[in-house]
Protein backbone atom coordinates (compact mmCIF):
# COMPACT_ATOMS: atom_id res chain seq x y z
CA MET A 1 -35.48 -23.51 16.91
CA ALA A 2 -38.78 -23.38 18.70
CA ARG A 3 -38.84 -25.62 21.70
CA ASN A 4 -40.39 -28.36 19.56
CA GLY A 5 -37.37 -28.27 17.23
CA GLU A 6 -39.10 -26.38 14.44
CA PRO A 7 -38.04 -22.86 13.32
CA VAL A 8 -40.25 -19.95 14.35
CA ILE A 9 -41.73 -17.92 11.48
CA ALA A 10 -42.90 -14.42 12.46
CA GLY A 11 -44.44 -11.65 10.37
CA ASN A 12 -44.51 -7.98 11.40
CA TRP A 13 -47.08 -6.07 9.37
CA LYS A 14 -45.99 -2.69 10.74
CA MET A 15 -48.50 0.08 9.83
CA HIS A 16 -50.42 -1.94 7.24
CA LYS A 17 -53.79 -3.74 7.14
CA GLY A 18 -56.91 -2.78 9.02
CA PRO A 19 -59.33 -5.39 10.41
CA GLY A 20 -60.90 -6.29 7.06
CA GLN A 21 -57.57 -6.62 5.29
CA ALA A 22 -56.22 -8.69 8.19
CA GLN A 23 -59.13 -11.09 7.86
CA SER A 24 -58.69 -11.36 4.09
CA PHE A 25 -54.97 -12.00 4.45
CA LEU A 26 -55.40 -14.68 7.09
CA ARG A 27 -58.24 -16.38 5.24
CA GLU A 28 -55.93 -16.80 2.23
CA PHE A 29 -52.78 -17.56 4.24
CA LEU A 30 -54.44 -20.25 6.34
CA ASP A 31 -55.67 -21.94 3.16
CA LEU A 32 -52.14 -21.85 1.73
CA HIS A 33 -50.39 -22.92 4.93
CA PRO A 34 -51.52 -26.31 6.26
CA ARG A 35 -51.44 -26.98 9.98
CA THR A 36 -47.92 -28.03 11.00
CA GLU A 37 -45.72 -28.22 14.10
CA ARG A 38 -43.85 -25.13 12.84
CA PRO A 39 -45.03 -22.11 14.89
CA VAL A 40 -46.12 -18.99 13.02
CA LEU A 41 -46.52 -15.60 14.71
CA VAL A 42 -48.31 -12.67 13.08
CA PHE A 43 -48.05 -9.11 14.41
CA PRO A 44 -50.86 -6.91 12.98
CA GLY A 45 -51.48 -3.30 13.91
CA ALA A 46 -53.35 -2.81 17.18
CA VAL A 47 -56.66 -1.95 15.47
CA ALA A 48 -56.60 -5.31 13.63
CA LEU A 49 -55.47 -7.40 16.59
CA GLN A 50 -58.85 -8.81 17.61
CA ALA A 51 -59.89 -9.47 14.02
CA ALA A 52 -56.68 -11.44 13.44
CA ALA A 53 -57.08 -13.32 16.71
CA ASP A 54 -60.63 -14.31 15.76
CA MET A 55 -59.41 -15.65 12.42
CA THR A 56 -56.77 -17.87 14.03
CA GLN A 57 -58.70 -19.20 17.03
CA ASP A 58 -58.93 -22.66 15.46
CA ARG A 59 -55.27 -22.72 14.41
CA PRO A 60 -53.04 -23.15 17.49
CA ASP A 61 -49.98 -23.24 15.21
CA VAL A 62 -50.63 -19.60 14.22
CA ARG A 63 -50.53 -17.09 17.07
CA VAL A 64 -51.18 -13.36 16.98
CA GLY A 65 -49.06 -10.72 18.67
CA VAL A 66 -49.08 -7.01 19.35
CA GLN A 67 -46.41 -4.77 17.81
CA ASN A 68 -45.85 -2.59 20.86
CA ILE A 69 -47.09 -2.11 24.42
CA HIS A 70 -46.78 0.44 27.20
CA TRP A 71 -45.25 -0.74 30.46
CA GLU A 72 -48.04 0.71 32.62
CA PRO A 73 -51.17 -1.44 33.05
CA LYS A 74 -53.53 1.52 32.56
CA GLY A 75 -53.69 5.28 32.88
CA ALA A 76 -53.52 8.60 31.06
CA PHE A 77 -51.36 7.47 28.14
CA THR A 78 -53.33 8.51 25.07
CA GLY A 79 -52.66 6.33 22.04
CA GLU A 80 -50.92 3.57 23.97
CA THR A 81 -51.86 -0.08 24.45
CA SER A 82 -51.18 -1.95 27.68
CA ALA A 83 -50.17 -5.59 27.83
CA ALA A 84 -53.47 -6.42 29.55
CA MET A 85 -55.47 -4.69 26.81
CA ALA A 86 -53.53 -6.55 24.10
CA ARG A 87 -54.10 -9.87 25.84
CA ASP A 88 -57.82 -9.11 26.14
CA ALA A 89 -57.92 -8.44 22.38
CA GLY A 90 -56.37 -11.82 21.63
CA ALA A 91 -52.62 -11.22 21.62
CA ALA A 92 -50.36 -14.03 22.78
CA VAL A 93 -47.01 -12.32 22.19
CA ALA A 94 -45.62 -8.77 22.35
CA LEU A 95 -42.98 -7.52 19.91
CA ILE A 96 -40.68 -5.29 21.95
CA GLY A 97 -37.75 -3.04 21.03
CA HIS A 98 -38.13 -3.23 17.26
CA SER A 99 -35.52 -1.10 15.51
CA GLU A 100 -38.19 1.36 14.39
CA ARG A 101 -39.34 1.77 18.00
CA ARG A 102 -35.75 2.37 19.09
CA HIS A 103 -34.56 4.60 16.26
CA VAL A 104 -37.73 6.39 15.10
CA PHE A 105 -39.47 6.76 18.46
CA GLY A 106 -36.41 6.91 20.70
CA GLU A 107 -37.18 3.85 22.80
CA THR A 108 -34.38 3.14 25.30
CA ASP A 109 -33.00 -0.09 26.71
CA ASP A 110 -34.66 0.78 30.04
CA GLU A 111 -38.05 1.22 28.37
CA VAL A 112 -37.60 -2.07 26.53
CA ALA A 113 -36.92 -3.80 29.85
CA ARG A 114 -40.05 -2.27 31.40
CA LYS A 115 -42.13 -3.48 28.48
CA VAL A 116 -40.68 -6.97 28.73
CA ALA A 117 -41.58 -7.08 32.43
CA ALA A 118 -45.11 -5.85 31.69
CA ALA A 119 -45.65 -8.40 28.90
CA LEU A 120 -44.57 -11.31 31.06
CA GLU A 121 -46.55 -10.09 34.08
CA HIS A 122 -49.77 -9.89 32.06
CA GLY A 123 -49.52 -13.24 30.32
CA LEU A 124 -47.87 -12.34 27.03
CA ASP A 125 -44.75 -13.96 25.63
CA ALA A 126 -42.05 -11.43 24.71
CA MET A 127 -40.10 -11.18 21.45
CA VAL A 128 -37.26 -8.75 22.07
CA CYS A 129 -35.48 -7.19 19.09
CA VAL A 130 -31.79 -6.27 19.13
CA GLY A 131 -29.54 -4.97 16.37
CA GLU A 132 -26.83 -2.56 15.34
CA THR A 133 -26.76 0.39 12.93
CA ILE A 134 -24.49 0.47 9.91
CA ASP A 135 -22.13 2.89 11.69
CA GLU A 136 -21.91 0.54 14.68
CA ARG A 137 -21.16 -2.39 12.38
CA ARG A 138 -18.44 -0.44 10.55
CA ALA A 139 -16.94 0.44 13.92
CA ASP A 140 -16.81 -3.26 14.83
CA ARG A 141 -19.26 -2.75 17.69
CA VAL A 142 -21.85 -5.38 16.74
CA GLU A 143 -21.39 -7.59 19.80
CA GLU A 144 -21.08 -4.63 22.16
CA VAL A 145 -24.40 -3.20 20.99
CA ILE A 146 -26.50 -6.35 20.75
CA LEU A 147 -25.22 -7.80 24.03
CA ARG A 148 -25.96 -4.53 25.84
CA GLN A 149 -29.50 -4.60 24.48
CA LEU A 150 -29.89 -8.28 25.41
CA ASP A 151 -28.54 -7.78 28.93
CA ALA A 152 -30.99 -4.93 29.59
CA ALA A 153 -33.94 -7.06 28.51
CA LEU A 154 -32.79 -10.13 30.43
CA GLU A 155 -32.85 -8.18 33.69
CA ALA A 156 -36.64 -8.10 33.35
CA VAL A 157 -37.02 -11.85 32.76
CA PRO A 158 -37.26 -14.13 35.80
CA ASP A 159 -35.86 -17.63 35.37
CA ASN A 160 -39.34 -19.16 35.38
CA ALA A 161 -40.32 -17.01 32.38
CA LEU A 162 -37.41 -17.87 30.06
CA GLY A 163 -39.67 -20.30 28.24
CA ARG A 164 -41.78 -17.32 27.11
CA LEU A 165 -38.90 -15.31 25.64
CA TYR A 166 -37.78 -14.96 22.02
CA ILE A 167 -34.89 -12.84 20.75
CA ALA A 168 -34.89 -11.36 17.25
CA TYR A 169 -31.60 -10.12 15.80
CA GLU A 170 -32.40 -7.46 13.22
CA PRO A 171 -29.47 -5.37 11.99
CA VAL A 172 -30.89 -1.87 11.53
CA TRP A 173 -29.13 -1.44 8.19
CA ALA A 174 -31.05 -4.42 6.79
CA ILE A 175 -34.56 -3.34 7.84
CA GLY A 176 -36.63 -2.40 4.79
CA THR A 177 -33.53 -1.64 2.71
CA GLY A 178 -33.31 -4.76 0.61
CA GLU A 179 -29.92 -5.42 2.19
CA THR A 180 -29.67 -8.70 4.06
CA ALA A 181 -27.02 -9.95 6.43
CA THR A 182 -25.31 -13.00 4.98
CA PRO A 183 -26.06 -16.29 6.69
CA ALA A 184 -22.53 -16.07 8.13
CA ASP A 185 -23.21 -12.56 9.51
CA ALA A 186 -26.46 -13.72 11.06
CA SER A 187 -24.89 -16.86 12.47
CA ALA A 188 -22.03 -14.90 14.08
CA ALA A 189 -24.38 -12.44 15.79
CA HIS A 190 -26.71 -15.24 16.89
CA GLY A 191 -23.76 -17.17 18.24
CA ALA A 192 -22.74 -14.23 20.42
CA LEU A 193 -26.30 -13.86 21.69
CA ARG A 194 -26.56 -17.59 22.35
CA GLU A 195 -23.33 -17.59 24.35
CA ARG A 196 -24.49 -14.64 26.46
CA LEU A 197 -27.82 -16.35 27.14
CA ARG A 198 -25.97 -19.49 28.19
CA GLU A 199 -23.62 -17.51 30.44
CA ALA A 200 -26.50 -15.64 32.06
CA ARG A 201 -29.06 -18.43 32.45
CA GLY A 202 -27.36 -21.76 31.76
CA ASP A 203 -28.99 -24.43 29.64
CA ALA A 204 -32.40 -22.77 29.90
CA GLY A 205 -30.96 -19.57 28.42
CA ALA A 206 -29.32 -21.53 25.63
CA ASP A 207 -32.76 -22.83 24.61
CA VAL A 208 -34.24 -19.34 23.98
CA PRO A 209 -35.11 -19.12 20.23
CA ILE A 210 -33.14 -16.47 18.30
CA LEU A 211 -34.73 -15.26 15.06
CA TYR A 212 -33.15 -13.27 12.23
CA GLY A 213 -34.98 -10.23 10.86
CA GLY A 214 -33.98 -7.96 7.99
CA SER A 215 -35.20 -8.15 4.37
CA VAL A 216 -36.19 -11.82 4.65
CA LYS A 217 -37.82 -13.00 1.41
CA PRO A 218 -39.02 -16.29 -0.08
CA ASP A 219 -35.77 -16.67 -2.04
CA ASN A 220 -33.41 -16.28 0.95
CA ALA A 221 -35.44 -17.73 3.83
CA ALA A 222 -34.26 -21.32 3.47
CA GLU A 223 -30.58 -20.32 3.41
CA LEU A 224 -31.01 -18.13 6.49
CA LEU A 225 -32.92 -20.83 8.36
CA ALA A 226 -30.14 -23.32 7.60
CA ALA A 227 -27.45 -21.12 9.17
CA PRO A 228 -26.08 -22.24 12.55
CA ASN A 229 -27.78 -20.65 15.57
CA VAL A 230 -30.66 -19.23 13.47
CA ASP A 231 -33.90 -20.50 15.01
CA GLY A 232 -36.38 -18.67 12.81
CA VAL A 233 -37.06 -15.46 10.91
CA LEU A 234 -38.88 -12.20 11.61
CA VAL A 235 -40.32 -11.05 8.28
CA GLY A 236 -41.32 -7.49 7.38
CA GLY A 237 -42.50 -6.54 3.91
CA ALA A 238 -42.74 -10.10 2.60
CA SER A 239 -45.21 -10.96 5.38
CA LEU A 240 -47.78 -8.64 3.80
CA ASP A 241 -48.43 -11.00 0.90
CA PRO A 242 -50.05 -14.31 1.87
CA HIS A 243 -48.34 -16.21 -0.96
CA ASP A 244 -44.87 -14.88 -0.10
CA PHE A 245 -45.40 -15.45 3.60
CA SER A 246 -46.65 -19.00 3.05
CA ARG A 247 -43.55 -19.75 0.99
CA ILE A 248 -41.35 -18.43 3.81
CA ALA A 249 -43.34 -20.41 6.37
CA ALA A 250 -42.62 -23.57 4.36
CA ALA A 251 -38.96 -22.74 3.62
CA GLY A 252 -36.47 -25.50 4.22
CA ARG A 253 -39.03 -28.24 4.74
CA GLY A 254 -38.22 -31.56 3.17
C-alpha cells in the first residue's frame, strides 16, 4: 500500500499521446475520478510531461512522472532527458528500468542504479521495475532475477530516501501480451521482494510499496489489488482510456 494505507495506481502511457491528447485525457479522467486519498501516478511521454503537470496542478492526489531519465545532469546526450529537466517540466516521479528499457534498449542493472541515484538526487521519487522473462520463469529463476535487479537498485538508495522509492514487479511475459500473472504468482514474487527489502533495510524497507504490472485491466484490477503483498498496480494499455483507467483507479473500493 501507499504509506497512507491506500493502493498506488500508476499508468504508463509509453509512446502514446502528445500534449493535446494528454490534456484531453486528463480533463476527462479528472472528471471521472473524484479526489481521494488513493494516489494516482501518470507517466506520459516526455513531450507531454509539462502539459500533463499543468492539468494536475490542483489535484495533489494525481502526480505526473517521467518514463525514463539519463543519469547525467546535463551534457552531450542527444535525445535524453535528465532528472533535473524532468523535474523542471513538472515530474514528481521517474519510472526506471521498465522491461522495455531493459529488453528493447539494453538497459543494465548498473544503468538502472545510476538512474535511481540521479532521480533521488534531483528531487524525483523513483519507481523501479523488476521482472523475469518467460524463459527465466520456466527455468525457476524468478526470485534469482528479480532479487538481483532489486539489489542493484537498492545500492543507489540511501536510507533517508527509502520513503521516495516504489518497486514495480512486471513479469516480462505479461507486458502487452494479454497474459497476466495470477494473483498467487504476483503475491509470491512480491513476497520475495518484500522479504529482501526487510532484510536489507529493516522495517523501513518493508514499507516500500510494491506494485504489480502486466496486462492489468478493469476486470482483473480488484483481484490483483486484493492479493497479499500487492500494494498497487502499474497499468499499460488500459491507462490510455480515461474510462478504463478510472475504473482501475476505483477498483476494490467499498
